Amino acid sequence: MSRPRSATPPVLNLWKAGLGSVPAEVWRHEDWEVLILADNALTEVPAALGRLRALHTLDLGHNALTAVPDEIGDLAGLTRFLYLHDNRLTTLPDALGNLDRLGYLNVGENPLGELPAALGRMTGLIELRAQRAELTSLPETLGQLGRLRELWLGGNALAGLPGSVAALHELRVLELRDNALPCVPHALRALPLLSRVDLRGNRIATLPPWIARLPALEKLDLRWNAVDDGAETVLALRRRGCVVLT
């Protein structure tokens, strides 16, 4: 657990270390910049987590956590990666919204049901992953994530997207496979940089004509929907060089 003073950067990698619980010594080194505690059958993380103000990367994925302490919002230095995926989380703390410099967040594979409105305060996010999280809707505040480039929402039960998604003008990648969408969300027509859209396994039967006018669209995956491969909008997209899979 101890490290030489000269070690740079201060990284603690305890991936698959068979811990069961986090040794108290971890919290005594408050200068960790990277802390990896993934795949350790952890059921809880203590409030002491909030002491690690120098962290820029935290991996708590692949555990058995049922809650995340509010003190996670004290990690002002958390700017790069936060992995909370593949746990047993049913809620996320509003304190996550304090992490307004964080670039990457993965909360997928948890039985969340919903994402907190506080997510909209995480304005530094560039990539958000919430796949297979039992989501039936998304908060309107999602549209406040003006720097977001990638949004991964596959394997949920979404029947639509909030209108505020139209404000995500930096979005390039949108993954919505295996949801319950009856049509292509109207908000997408306002996204000038959208280049890859995955709509596999939804309930879409027709394409709106405006999708062929999305200026940056390079790939549209429509497999396992009822869209006609010879539909005029599909042909129009292919004529301009867009890869369309049906």
C-alpha atoms as a PDB file:
ATOM      1  CA  MET A   1       0.000   0.000   0.000  1.00  0.00           C
ATOM      2  CA  SER A   2       2.820   2.429   0.794  1.00  0.00           C
ATOM      3  CA  ARG A   3       4.730   4.011  -2.069  1.00  0.00           C
ATOM      4  CA  PRO A   4       8.081   5.828  -2.380  1.00  0.00           C
ATOM      5  CA  ARG A   5       7.941   9.595  -2.051  1.00  0.00           C
ATOM      6  CA  SER A   6       9.402   9.914  -5.525  1.00  0.00           C
ATOM      7  CA  ALA A   7       6.680   7.844  -7.221  1.00  0.00           C
ATOM      8  CA  THR A   8       4.992   9.865  -9.978  1.00  0.00           C
ATOM      9  CA  PRO A   9       2.126  10.052 -10.514  1.00  0.00           C
ATOM     10  CA  PRO A  10       0.580   8.861  -7.217  1.00  0.00           C
ATOM     11  CA  VAL A  11      -1.425   5.865  -8.444  1.00  0.00           C
ATOM     12  CA  LEU A  12      -3.026   3.079  -6.416  1.00  0.00           C
ATOM     13  CA  ASN A  13      -4.228   0.158  -8.511  1.00  0.00           C
ATOM     14  CA  LEU A  14      -6.088  -2.452  -6.458  1.00  0.00           C
ATOM     15  CA  TRP A  15      -8.057  -3.954  -9.341  1.00  0.00           C
ATOM     16  CA  LYS A  16      -9.209  -7.496  -8.548  1.00  0.00           C
ATOM     17  CA  ALA A  17      -7.309  -7.520  -5.287  1.00  0.00           C
ATOM     18  CA  GLY A  18      -9.971  -9.557  -3.453  1.00  0.00           C
ATOM     19  CA  LEU A  19     -10.505  -6.832  -0.872  1.00  0.00           C
ATOM     20  CA  GLY A  20     -14.149  -7.095   0.203  1.00  0.00           C
ATOM     21  CA  SER A  21     -13.651  -3.747   1.953  1.00  0.00           C
ATOM     22  CA  VAL A  22     -11.240  -0.863   1.450  1.00  0.00           C
ATOM     23  CA  PRO A  23      -8.239  -0.876   3.820  1.00  0.00           C
ATOM     24  CA  ALA A  24      -8.203   2.193   6.067  1.00  0.00           C
ATOM     25  CA  GLU A  25      -4.674   2.963   4.918  1.00  0.00           C
ATOM     26  CA  VAL A  26      -6.013   3.974   1.493  1.00  0.00           C
ATOM     27  CA  TRP A  27      -7.704   7.027   2.982  1.00  0.00           C
ATOM     28  CA  ARG A  28      -4.553   8.147   4.819  1.00  0.00           C
ATOM     29  CA  HIS A  29      -2.779   8.958   1.543  1.00  0.00           C
ATOM     30  CA  GLU A  30      -4.716  12.040   0.535  1.00  0.00           C
ATOM     31  CA  ASP A  31      -2.534  12.795  -2.466  1.00  0.00           C
ATOM     32  CA  TRP A  32      -3.651   9.890  -4.658  1.00  0.00           C
ATOM     33  CA  GLU A  33      -4.361  11.064  -8.192  1.00  0.00           C
ATOM     34  CA  VAL A  34      -5.608   7.721  -9.537  1.00  0.00           C
ATOM     35  CA  LEU A  35      -7.482   5.189  -7.386  1.00  0.00           C
ATOM     36  CA  ILE A  36      -8.645   1.902  -8.890  1.00  0.00           C
ATOM     37  CA  LEU A  37     -10.812  -0.273  -6.666  1.00  0.00           C
ATOM     38  CA  ALA A  38     -12.690  -2.135  -9.397  1.00  0.00           C
ATOM     39  CA  ASP A  39     -13.807  -5.756  -9.086  1.00  0.00           C
ATOM     40  CA  ASN A  40     -13.342  -6.211  -5.339  1.00  0.00           C
ATOM     41  CA  ALA A  41     -16.868  -7.180  -4.191  1.00  0.00           C
ATOM     42  CA  LEU A  42     -17.087  -3.889  -2.292  1.00  0.00           C
ATOM     43  CA  THR A  43     -20.481  -3.242  -0.706  1.00  0.00           C
ATOM     44  CA  GLU A  44     -19.726   0.248   0.556  1.00  0.00           C
ATOM     45  CA  VAL A  45     -17.292   3.120   0.285  1.00  0.00           C
ATOM     46  CA  PRO A  46     -16.862   5.264   3.415  1.00  0.00           C
ATOM     47  CA  ALA A  47     -17.294   9.028   3.633  1.00  0.00           C
ATOM     48  CA  ALA A  48     -13.506   9.222   3.935  1.00  0.00           C
ATOM     49  CA  LEU A  49     -13.488   9.088   0.133  1.00  0.00           C
ATOM     50  CA  GLY A  50     -14.112  12.831   0.199  1.00  0.00           C
ATOM     51  CA  ARG A  51     -10.647  13.466   1.604  1.00  0.00           C
ATOM     52  CA  LEU A  52      -8.938  12.496  -1.652  1.00  0.00           C
ATOM     53  CA  ARG A  53      -9.120  15.969  -3.173  1.00  0.00           C
ATOM     54  CA  ALA A  54      -6.207  15.300  -5.565  1.00  0.00           C
ATOM     55  CA  LEU A  55      -7.959  12.448  -7.414  1.00  0.00           C
ATOM     56  CA  HIS A  56      -8.506  12.966 -11.112  1.00  0.00           C
ATOM     57  CA  THR A  57      -9.531   9.345 -11.809  1.00  0.00           C
ATOM     58  CA  LEU A  58     -11.647   7.019  -9.643  1.00  0.00           C
ATOM     59  CA  ASP A  59     -12.725   3.511 -10.612  1.00  0.00           C
ATOM     60  CA  LEU A  60     -15.346   1.839  -8.420  1.00  0.00           C
ATOM     61  CA  GLY A  61     -16.797  -0.325 -11.192  1.00  0.00           C
ATOM     62  CA  HIS A  62     -17.664  -4.021 -11.004  1.00  0.00           C
ATOM     63  CA  ASN A  63     -18.442  -4.106  -7.299  1.00  0.00           C
ATOM     64  CA  ALA A  64     -21.599  -4.564  -5.208  1.00  0.00           C
ATOM     65  CA  LEU A  65     -22.142  -0.980  -4.062  1.00  0.00           C
ATOM     66  CA  THR A  66     -25.697  -0.014  -3.145  1.00  0.00           C
ATOM     67  CA  ALA A  67     -24.886   3.644  -2.480  1.00  0.00           C
ATOM     68  CA  VAL A  68     -22.270   6.280  -3.180  1.00  0.00           C
ATOM     69  CA  PRO A  69     -21.468   8.657  -0.301  1.00  0.00           C
ATOM     70  CA  ASP A  70     -22.420  12.315  -0.698  1.00  0.00           C
ATOM     71  CA  GLU A  71     -18.782  13.128  -0.017  1.00  0.00           C
ATOM     72  CA  ILE A  72     -17.983  12.164  -3.594  1.00  0.00           C
ATOM     73  CA  GLY A  73     -19.067  15.700  -4.381  1.00  0.00           C
ATOM     74  CA  ASP A  74     -16.054  16.990  -2.433  1.00  0.00           C
ATOM     75  CA  LEU A  75     -13.624  15.592  -5.016  1.00  0.00           C
ATOM     76  CA  ALA A  76     -12.989  18.902  -6.728  1.00  0.00           C
ATOM     77  CA  GLY A  77      -9.953  17.517  -8.568  1.00  0.00           C
ATOM     78  CA  LEU A  78     -11.936  14.739 -10.267  1.00  0.00           C
ATOM     79  CA  THR A  79     -11.523  15.888 -13.855  1.00  0.00           C
ATOM     80  CA  ARG A  80     -10.880  12.784 -15.966  1.00  0.00           C
ATOM     81  CA  PHE A  81     -12.740   9.548 -15.228  1.00  0.00           C
ATOM     82  CA  LEU A  82     -15.364   8.297 -12.781  1.00  0.00           C
ATOM     83  CA  TYR A  83     -16.457   4.674 -13.124  1.00  0.00           C
ATOM     84  CA  LEU A  84     -19.494   3.559 -11.111  1.00  0.00           C
ATOM     85  CA  HIS A  85     -20.783   0.942 -13.558  1.00  0.00           C
ATOM     86  CA  ASP A  86     -21.823  -2.621 -12.782  1.00  0.00           C
ATOM     87  CA  ASN A  87     -22.844  -2.137  -9.167  1.00  0.00           C
ATOM     88  CA  ARG A  88     -26.214  -2.291  -7.377  1.00  0.00           C
ATOM     89  CA  LEU A  89     -26.942   1.413  -7.263  1.00  0.00           C
ATOM     90  CA  THR A  90     -30.607   2.402  -7.264  1.00  0.00           C
ATOM     91  CA  THR A  91     -29.908   6.132  -6.895  1.00  0.00           C
ATOM     92  CA  LEU A  92     -27.088   8.554  -7.502  1.00  0.00           C
ATOM     93  CA  PRO A  93     -26.377  11.345  -4.996  1.00  0.00           C
ATOM     94  CA  ASP A  94     -27.222  14.917  -6.001  1.00  0.00           C
ATOM     95  CA  ALA A  95     -23.692  15.731  -4.824  1.00  0.00           C
ATOM     96  CA  LEU A  96     -22.433  14.308  -8.127  1.00  0.00           C
ATOM     97  CA  GLY A  97     -23.543  17.604  -9.616  1.00  0.00           C
ATOM     98  CA  ASN A  98     -20.644  19.280  -7.805  1.00  0.00           C
ATOM     99  CA  LEU A  99     -18.214  17.528 -10.148  1.00  0.00           C
ATOM    100  CA  ASP A 100     -18.497  20.181 -12.827  1.00  0.00           C
ATOM    101  CA  ARG A 101     -14.996  19.537 -14.202  1.00  0.00           C
ATOM    102  CA  LEU A 102     -15.360  15.787 -14.716  1.00  0.00           C
ATOM    103  CA  GLY A 103     -14.944  14.683 -18.326  1.00  0.00           C
ATOM    104  CA  TYR A 104     -16.137  11.027 -18.294  1.00  0.00           C
ATOM    105  CA  LEU A 105     -18.859   9.349 -16.245  1.00  0.00           C
ATOM    106  CA  ASN A 106     -20.016   5.734 -16.475  1.00  0.00           C
ATOM    107  CA  VAL A 107     -23.038   4.742 -14.342  1.00  0.00           C
ATOM    108  CA  GLY A 108     -24.264   1.904 -16.547  1.00  0.00           C
ATOM    109  CA  GLU A 109     -25.341  -1.573 -15.461  1.00  0.00           C
ATOM    110  CA  ASN A 110     -27.018  -0.360 -12.287  1.00  0.00           C
ATOM    111  CA  PRO A 111     -30.774  -0.629 -11.509  1.00  0.00           C
ATOM    112  CA  LEU A 112     -31.119   3.162 -11.375  1.00  0.00           C
ATOM    113  CA  GLY A 113     -34.463   3.723 -13.084  1.00  0.00           C
ATOM    114  CA  GLU A 114     -33.614   7.414 -13.499  1.00  0.00           C
ATOM    115  CA  LEU A 115     -30.759   9.885 -13.526  1.00  0.00           C
ATOM    116  CA  PRO A 116     -30.762  12.812 -11.086  1.00  0.00           C
ATOM    117  CA  ALA A 117     -31.578  16.330 -12.290  1.00  0.00           C
ATOM    118  CA  ALA A 118     -28.273  17.346 -10.684  1.00  0.00           C
ATOM    119  CA  LEU A 119     -26.561  15.676 -13.625  1.00  0.00           C
ATOM    120  CA  GLY A 120     -27.143  18.917 -15.521  1.00  0.00           C
ATOM    121  CA  ARG A 121     -24.611  20.666 -13.286  1.00  0.00           C
ATOM    122  CA  MET A 122     -21.816  18.380 -14.521  1.00  0.00           C
ATOM    123  CA  THR A 123     -21.075  20.789 -17.330  1.00  0.00           C
ATOM    124  CA  GLY A 124     -17.559  19.470 -17.975  1.00  0.00           C
ATOM    125  CA  LEU A 125     -18.821  16.087 -19.194  1.00  0.00           C
ATOM    126  CA  ILE A 126     -17.604  15.051 -22.626  1.00  0.00           C
ATOM    127  CA  GLU A 127     -18.758  11.427 -22.435  1.00  0.00           C
ATOM    128  CA  LEU A 128     -21.681   9.989 -20.463  1.00  0.00           C
ATOM    129  CA  ARG A 129     -22.458   6.276 -20.312  1.00  0.00           C
ATOM    130  CA  ALA A 130     -25.667   5.006 -18.739  1.00  0.00           C
ATOM    131  CA  GLN A 131     -26.259   1.744 -20.575  1.00  0.00           C
ATOM    132  CA  ARG A 132     -28.471  -0.988 -19.127  1.00  0.00           C
ATOM    133  CA  ALA A 133     -29.523   1.183 -16.189  1.00  0.00           C
ATOM    134  CA  GLU A 134     -33.290   0.502 -16.389  1.00  0.00           C
ATOM    135  CA  LEU A 135     -33.967   4.083 -17.480  1.00  0.00           C
ATOM    136  CA  THR A 136     -37.474   4.953 -18.638  1.00  0.00           C
ATOM    137  CA  SER A 137     -36.844   8.677 -19.065  1.00  0.00           C
ATOM    138  CA  LEU A 138     -34.089  11.266 -18.867  1.00  0.00           C
ATOM    139  CA  PRO A 139     -33.995  14.575 -16.999  1.00  0.00           C
ATOM    140  CA  GLU A 140     -34.561  17.797 -18.951  1.00  0.00           C
ATOM    141  CA  THR A 141     -31.344  19.069 -17.402  1.00  0.00           C
ATOM    142  CA  LEU A 142     -29.431  16.749 -19.726  1.00  0.00           C
ATOM    143  CA  GLY A 143     -29.527  19.593 -22.231  1.00  0.00           C
ATOM    144  CA  GLN A 144     -27.264  21.668 -19.987  1.00  0.00           C
ATOM    145  CA  LEU A 145     -24.274  19.435 -20.810  1.00  0.00           C
ATOM    146  CA  GLY A 146     -23.089  21.691 -23.581  1.00  0.00           C
ATOM    147  CA  ARG A 147     -19.662  20.049 -23.958  1.00  0.00           C
ATOM    148  CA  LEU A 148     -21.020  16.489 -24.323  1.00  0.00           C
ATOM    149  CA  ARG A 149     -19.657  14.633 -27.353  1.00  0.00           C
ATOM    150  CA  GLU A 150     -20.712  11.050 -26.670  1.00  0.00           C
ATOM    151  CA  LEU A 151     -23.926   9.787 -25.071  1.00  0.00           C
ATOM    152  CA  TRP A 152     -24.388   6.038 -24.551  1.00  0.00           C
ATOM    153  CA  LEU A 153     -27.877   4.953 -23.471  1.00  0.00           C
ATOM    154  CA  GLY A 154     -28.331   1.475 -24.927  1.00  0.00           C
ATOM    155  CA  GLY A 155     -30.265  -1.294 -23.211  1.00  0.00           C
ATOM    156  CA  ASN A 156     -32.773   0.858 -21.360  1.00  0.00           C
ATOM    157  CA  ALA A 157     -36.540   1.373 -21.788  1.00  0.00           C
ATOM    158  CA  LEU A 158     -36.551   4.860 -23.279  1.00  0.00           C
ATOM    159  CA  ALA A 159     -39.525   5.795 -25.444  1.00  0.00           C
ATOM    160  CA  GLY A 160     -38.148   9.267 -26.208  1.00  0.00           C
ATOM    161  CA  LEU A 161     -35.582  11.914 -25.382  1.00  0.00           C
ATOM    162  CA  PRO A 162     -36.179  15.241 -23.637  1.00  0.00           C
ATOM    163  CA  GLY A 163     -36.469  18.215 -25.960  1.00  0.00           C
ATOM    164  CA  SER A 164     -33.473  19.779 -24.263  1.00  0.00           C
ATOM    165  CA  VAL A 165     -31.227  17.311 -26.119  1.00  0.00           C
ATOM    166  CA  ALA A 166     -31.502  19.765 -29.002  1.00  0.00           C
ATOM    167  CA  ALA A 167     -29.054  21.986 -27.075  1.00  0.00           C
ATOM    168  CA  LEU A 168     -26.250  19.388 -27.181  1.00  0.00           C
ATOM    169  CA  HIS A 169     -24.547  21.048 -30.121  1.00  0.00           C
ATOM    170  CA  GLU A 170     -21.207  19.295 -29.534  1.00  0.00           C
ATOM    171  CA  LEU A 171     -22.705  15.775 -29.627  1.00  0.00           C
ATOM    172  CA  ARG A 172     -21.014  13.448 -32.120  1.00  0.00           C
ATOM    173  CA  VAL A 173     -21.977   9.946 -30.991  1.00  0.00           C
ATOM    174  CA  LEU A 174     -25.424   8.850 -29.789  1.00  0.00           C
ATOM    175  CA  GLU A 175     -26.060   5.226 -28.840  1.00  0.00           C
ATOM    176  CA  LEU A 176     -29.698   4.298 -28.237  1.00  0.00           C
ATOM    177  CA  ARG A 177     -29.805   0.638 -29.207  1.00  0.00           C
ATOM    178  CA  ASP A 178     -32.283  -1.727 -27.540  1.00  0.00           C
ATOM    179  CA  ASN A 179     -34.727   0.839 -26.207  1.00  0.00           C
ATOM    180  CA  ALA A 180     -38.439   1.430 -26.945  1.00  0.00           C
ATOM    181  CA  LEU A 181     -38.265   4.353 -29.371  1.00  0.00           C
ATOM    182  CA  PRO A 182     -41.228   4.479 -31.791  1.00  0.00           C
ATOM    183  CA  CYS A 183     -39.509   7.080 -33.977  1.00  0.00           C
ATOM    184  CA  VAL A 184     -36.267   8.991 -34.421  1.00  0.00           C
ATOM    185  CA  PRO A 185     -36.209  11.640 -31.649  1.00  0.00           C
ATOM    186  CA  HIS A 186     -37.078  15.054 -33.097  1.00  0.00           C
ATOM    187  CA  ALA A 187     -34.414  16.792 -31.005  1.00  0.00           C
ATOM    188  CA  LEU A 188     -31.679  15.232 -33.140  1.00  0.00           C
ATOM    189  CA  ARG A 189     -32.456  17.518 -36.053  1.00  0.00           C
ATOM    190  CA  ALA A 190     -30.766  20.391 -34.169  1.00  0.00           C
ATOM    191  CA  LEU A 191     -27.396  18.628 -33.730  1.00  0.00           C
ATOM    192  CA  PRO A 192     -24.979  19.814 -36.420  1.00  0.00           C
ATOM    193  CA  LEU A 193     -22.012  17.627 -35.425  1.00  0.00           C
ATOM    194  CA  LEU A 194     -23.858  14.338 -34.936  1.00  0.00           C
ATOM    195  CA  SER A 195     -21.914  11.755 -36.929  1.00  0.00           C
ATOM    196  CA  ARG A 196     -22.831   8.308 -35.557  1.00  0.00           C
ATOM    197  CA  VAL A 197     -26.288   7.250 -34.384  1.00  0.00           C
ATOM    198  CA  ASP A 198     -27.097   3.727 -33.200  1.00  0.00           C
ATOM    199  CA  LEU A 199     -30.841   2.985 -33.114  1.00  0.00           C
ATOM    200  CA  ARG A 200     -30.694  -0.794 -33.352  1.00  0.00           C
ATOM    201  CA  GLY A 201     -33.464  -2.790 -31.739  1.00  0.00           C
ATOM    202  CA  ASN A 202     -36.127  -0.115 -31.334  1.00  0.00           C
ATOM    203  CA  ARG A 203     -39.650   0.218 -32.806  1.00  0.00           C
ATOM    204  CA  ILE A 204     -38.938   2.569 -35.673  1.00  0.00           C
ATOM    205  CA  ALA A 205     -40.811   1.997 -38.928  1.00  0.00           C
ATOM    206  CA  THR A 206     -40.173   5.227 -40.854  1.00  0.00           C
ATOM    207  CA  LEU A 207     -37.482   7.879 -41.046  1.00  0.00           C
ATOM    208  CA  PRO A 208     -38.175  11.624 -40.990  1.00  0.00           C
ATOM    209  CA  PRO A 209     -36.912  13.427 -44.131  1.00  0.00           C
ATOM    210  CA  TRP A 210     -34.841  15.841 -42.005  1.00  0.00           C
ATOM    211  CA  ILE A 211     -32.440  13.081 -40.962  1.00  0.00           C
ATOM    212  CA  ALA A 212     -31.005  13.085 -44.477  1.00  0.00           C
ATOM    213  CA  ARG A 213     -30.089  16.739 -43.965  1.00  0.00           C
ATOM    214  CA  LEU A 214     -28.008  16.254 -40.810  1.00  0.00           C
ATOM    215  CA  PRO A 215     -24.754  17.740 -42.068  1.00  0.00           C
ATOM    216  CA  ALA A 216     -22.237  15.525 -40.254  1.00  0.00           C
ATOM    217  CA  LEU A 217     -24.069  12.171 -40.227  1.00  0.00           C
ATOM    218  CA  GLU A 218     -21.717   9.389 -41.368  1.00  0.00           C
ATOM    219  CA  LYS A 219     -23.304   6.231 -39.941  1.00  0.00           C
ATOM    220  CA  LEU A 220     -26.888   5.367 -39.001  1.00  0.00           C
ATOM    221  CA  ASP A 221     -27.579   1.893 -37.619  1.00  0.00           C
ATOM    222  CA  LEU A 222     -31.243   0.889 -37.915  1.00  0.00           C
ATOM    223  CA  ARG A 223     -30.969  -2.878 -37.712  1.00  0.00           C
ATOM    224  CA  TRP A 224     -33.765  -4.758 -35.953  1.00  0.00           C
ATOM    225  CA  ASN A 225     -36.300  -2.039 -36.686  1.00  0.00           C
ATOM    226  CA  ALA A 226     -39.033  -2.097 -39.339  1.00  0.00           C
ATOM    227  CA  VAL A 227     -37.469   0.537 -41.622  1.00  0.00           C
ATOM    228  CA  ASP A 228     -37.674  -0.305 -45.347  1.00  0.00           C
ATOM    229  CA  ASP A 229     -34.195  -0.626 -46.832  1.00  0.00           C
ATOM    230  CA  GLY A 230     -35.477   1.021 -50.019  1.00  0.00           C
ATOM    231  CA  ALA A 231     -37.156   3.996 -48.336  1.00  0.00           C
ATOM    232  CA  GLU A 232     -36.402   7.325 -49.998  1.00  0.00           C
ATOM    233  CA  THR A 233     -34.743   8.778 -46.889  1.00  0.00           C
ATOM    234  CA  VAL A 234     -32.461   5.746 -46.629  1.00  0.00           C
ATOM    235  CA  LEU A 235     -31.507   6.126 -50.284  1.00  0.00           C
ATOM    236  CA  ALA A 236     -30.943   9.867 -49.861  1.00  0.00           C
ATOM    237  CA  LEU A 237     -28.550   9.226 -46.980  1.00  0.00           C
ATOM    238  CA  ARG A 238     -26.618   6.638 -48.961  1.00  0.00           C
ATOM    239  CA  ARG A 239     -26.350   8.918 -51.962  1.00  0.00           C
ATOM    240  CA  ARG A 240     -24.516  11.459 -49.849  1.00  0.00           C
ATOM    241  CA  GLY A 241     -22.122   8.836 -48.482  1.00  0.00           C
ATOM    242  CA  CYS A 242     -23.733   7.992 -45.155  1.00  0.00           C
ATOM    243  CA  VAL A 243     -23.525   4.330 -44.138  1.00  0.00           C
ATOM    244  CA  VAL A 244     -27.056   3.136 -43.325  1.00  0.00           C
ATOM    245  CA  LEU A 245     -27.558  -0.346 -41.859  1.00  0.00           C
ATOM    246  CA  THR A 246     -31.098  -1.754 -41.969  1.00  0.00           C
END
